[in-house]
C-alpha atoms as a PDB file:
ATOM      1  CA  MET A   1      -5.522  11.105   6.963  1.00  0.00           C
ATOM      2  CA  SER A   2      -5.022   7.482   6.456  1.00  0.00           C
ATOM      3  CA  VAL A   3      -2.064   5.503   5.456  1.00  0.00           C
ATOM      4  CA  TRP A   4      -2.170   3.083   2.596  1.00  0.00           C
ATOM      5  CA  ILE A   5       0.242   0.607   1.132  1.00  0.00           C
ATOM      6  CA  ALA A   6       0.125   0.050  -2.561  1.00  0.00           C
ATOM      7  CA  ILE A   7       1.909  -2.979  -4.124  1.00  0.00           C
ATOM      8  CA  PHE A   8       2.144  -2.886  -7.934  1.00  0.00           C
ATOM      9  CA  GLU A   9       2.631  -5.640 -10.279  1.00  0.00           C
ATOM     10  CA  ASP A  10       4.098  -4.922 -13.775  1.00  0.00           C
ATOM     11  CA  LYS A  11       3.097  -6.749 -16.856  1.00  0.00           C
ATOM     12  CA  PRO A  12       5.846  -9.087 -18.237  1.00  0.00           C
ATOM     13  CA  ASN A  13       8.020  -7.858 -21.275  1.00  0.00           C
ATOM     14  CA  THR A  14       7.091  -4.151 -20.694  1.00  0.00           C
ATOM     15  CA  GLN A  15      10.531  -2.614 -20.304  1.00  0.00           C
ATOM     16  CA  HIS A  16       9.684  -0.372 -23.335  1.00  0.00           C
ATOM     17  CA  LEU A  17       6.783   1.073 -21.445  1.00  0.00           C
ATOM     18  CA  PHE A  18       9.102   1.670 -18.460  1.00  0.00           C
ATOM     19  CA  ASP A  19      11.379   3.550 -20.627  1.00  0.00           C
ATOM     20  CA  GLU A  20       8.579   5.471 -22.494  1.00  0.00           C
ATOM     21  CA  HIS A  21       6.839   6.504 -19.127  1.00  0.00           C
ATOM     22  CA  LYS A  22       9.635   6.690 -16.804  1.00  0.00           C
ATOM     23  CA  ALA A  23       9.955  10.692 -16.919  1.00  0.00           C
ATOM     24  CA  ALA A  24       6.275  11.113 -16.561  1.00  0.00           C
ATOM     25  CA  HIS A  25       5.952   8.726 -13.724  1.00  0.00           C
ATOM     26  CA  LEU A  26       8.867  10.248 -11.780  1.00  0.00           C
ATOM     27  CA  ALA A  27       7.166  13.764 -12.459  1.00  0.00           C
ATOM     28  CA  TYR A  28       3.892  12.351 -11.215  1.00  0.00           C
ATOM     29  CA  LEU A  29       5.500  11.136  -7.952  1.00  0.00           C
ATOM     30  CA  GLY A  30       7.147  14.523  -7.573  1.00  0.00           C
ATOM     31  CA  ALA A  31       3.786  16.405  -7.972  1.00  0.00           C
ATOM     32  CA  HIS A  32       2.182  14.098  -5.480  1.00  0.00           C
ATOM     33  CA  SER A  33       4.824  14.009  -2.811  1.00  0.00           C
ATOM     34  CA  ALA A  34       2.477  15.281  -0.200  1.00  0.00           C
ATOM     35  CA  GLN A  35       0.448  12.210  -0.611  1.00  0.00           C
ATOM     36  CA  VAL A  36       3.030   9.480  -1.857  1.00  0.00           C
ATOM     37  CA  LYS A  37       5.456   9.418   1.072  1.00  0.00           C
ATOM     38  CA  PHE A  38       7.712   6.738  -0.062  1.00  0.00           C
ATOM     39  CA  ALA A  39       7.975   4.937  -3.417  1.00  0.00           C
ATOM     40  CA  ALA A  40      10.190   2.122  -4.729  1.00  0.00           C
ATOM     41  CA  GLY A  41      10.701  -0.236  -7.551  1.00  0.00           C
ATOM     42  CA  LEU A  42      10.780  -3.930  -6.547  1.00  0.00           C
ATOM     43  CA  CYS A  43      13.180  -6.475  -8.065  1.00  0.00           C
ATOM     44  CA  GLU A  44      14.677  -9.824  -6.976  1.00  0.00           C
ATOM     45  CA  ASN A  45      18.259  -8.364  -6.558  1.00  0.00           C
ATOM     46  CA  HIS A  46      19.689  -4.749  -6.672  1.00  0.00           C
ATOM     47  CA  GLY A  47      20.571  -3.744 -10.194  1.00  0.00           C
ATOM     48  CA  GLU A  48      17.946  -6.001 -11.880  1.00  0.00           C
ATOM     49  CA  PRO A  49      14.899  -4.633 -13.684  1.00  0.00           C
ATOM     50  CA  SER A  50      11.806  -4.129 -11.541  1.00  0.00           C
ATOM     51  CA  TYR A  51       8.721  -6.307 -11.585  1.00  0.00           C
ATOM     52  CA  GLY A  52       6.553  -4.031  -9.708  1.00  0.00           C
ATOM     53  CA  GLY A  53       6.601  -1.244  -7.060  1.00  0.00           C
ATOM     54  CA  MET A  54       5.527  -0.256  -3.655  1.00  0.00           C
ATOM     55  CA  TRP A  55       4.040   3.180  -2.364  1.00  0.00           C
ATOM     56  CA  ILE A  56       3.252   4.355   1.037  1.00  0.00           C
ATOM     57  CA  ILE A  57       0.303   6.893   0.522  1.00  0.00           C
ATOM     58  CA  ARG A  58      -1.352   9.423   2.938  1.00  0.00           C
ATOM     59  CA  ALA A  59      -4.981   9.897   1.682  1.00  0.00           C
ATOM     60  CA  ASP A  60      -8.253  11.065   3.051  1.00  0.00           C
ATOM     61  CA  SER A  61     -10.050   7.764   1.747  1.00  0.00           C
ATOM     62  CA  ARG A  62      -9.497   4.643  -0.134  1.00  0.00           C
ATOM     63  CA  GLU A  63     -11.143   6.204  -3.040  1.00  0.00           C
ATOM     64  CA  ASP A  64      -8.447   9.053  -2.950  1.00  0.00           C
ATOM     65  CA  ALA A  65      -5.603   6.354  -2.724  1.00  0.00           C
ATOM     66  CA  VAL A  66      -7.134   4.535  -5.615  1.00  0.00           C
ATOM     67  CA  GLN A  67      -7.186   7.623  -7.682  1.00  0.00           C
ATOM     68  CA  ILE A  68      -3.501   8.438  -6.896  1.00  0.00           C
ATOM     69  CA  CYS A  69      -2.467   4.836  -7.899  1.00  0.00           C
ATOM     70  CA  GLU A  70      -4.652   4.797 -11.165  1.00  0.00           C
ATOM     71  CA  ASN A  71      -3.672   8.190 -12.469  1.00  0.00           C
ATOM     72  CA  ASP A  72       0.072   7.254 -12.528  1.00  0.00           C
ATOM     73  CA  PRO A  73       1.512   7.269 -16.000  1.00  0.00           C
ATOM     74  CA  PHE A  74       2.791   3.561 -15.509  1.00  0.00           C
ATOM     75  CA  PHE A  75      -0.735   2.691 -14.700  1.00  0.00           C
ATOM     76  CA  THR A  76      -2.507   4.685 -17.453  1.00  0.00           C
ATOM     77  CA  GLY A  77       0.295   3.780 -19.972  1.00  0.00           C
ATOM     78  CA  GLY A  78      -0.093   0.083 -19.685  1.00  0.00           C
ATOM     79  CA  ARG A  79       2.879  -0.819 -17.639  1.00  0.00           C
ATOM     80  CA  ARG A  80       0.944  -2.061 -14.581  1.00  0.00           C
ATOM     81  CA  ALA A  81      -0.862  -5.378 -14.449  1.00  0.00           C
ATOM     82  CA  GLY A  82      -2.653  -4.460 -11.365  1.00  0.00           C
ATOM     83  CA  TYR A  83      -2.213  -3.680  -7.645  1.00  0.00           C
ATOM     84  CA  LYS A  84      -3.167  -4.448  -4.199  1.00  0.00           C
ATOM     85  CA  LEU A  85      -4.159  -1.466  -1.858  1.00  0.00           C
ATOM     86  CA  ALA A  86      -3.945  -2.090   1.885  1.00  0.00           C
ATOM     87  CA  ALA A  87      -4.920   0.152   4.787  1.00  0.00           C
ATOM     88  CA  ALA A  88      -1.962   0.485   7.154  1.00  0.00           C
ATOM     89  CA  HIS A  89      -2.134   0.588  10.936  1.00  0.00           C
ATOM     90  CA  VAL A  90       1.104   2.555  11.720  1.00  0.00           C
ATOM     91  CA  ALA A  91       2.927   1.342  14.741  1.00  0.00           C
ATOM     92  CA  PRO A  92       3.310   3.849  17.532  1.00  0.00           C
ATOM     93  CA  GLY A  93       6.301   6.029  17.137  1.00  0.00           C
ATOM     94  CA  PHE A  94       6.472   5.580  13.305  1.00  0.00           C
ATOM     95  CA  GLU A  95       4.046   8.344  12.495  1.00  0.00           C
ATOM     96  CA  ARG A  96       6.866  10.747  12.304  1.00  0.00           C
ATOM     97  CA  ILE A  97       8.185   9.337   9.074  1.00  0.00           C
ATOM     98  CA  LEU A  98       5.041   9.850   7.288  1.00  0.00           C
END
């Protein structure tokens, strides 16, 4: 298994899509917790609306990581503007958290 980092960018003015798809998004993350090891919304300051997100993913291939990203209800529901996916070289000693 490889480690991948996904950084998501949300489309502007899509809070209604966040509200509409939040429950399905959280259920999706729960159903994929073996692959998505960490997930977080990103914002300028705590308490503010998110403008994107970040996931740490364990997947067999880049194609598998892409599928995990693109099947998320925030992606299929139109909230996401896009994302960057990077292969991660985990520093020695940090494998234990993944």
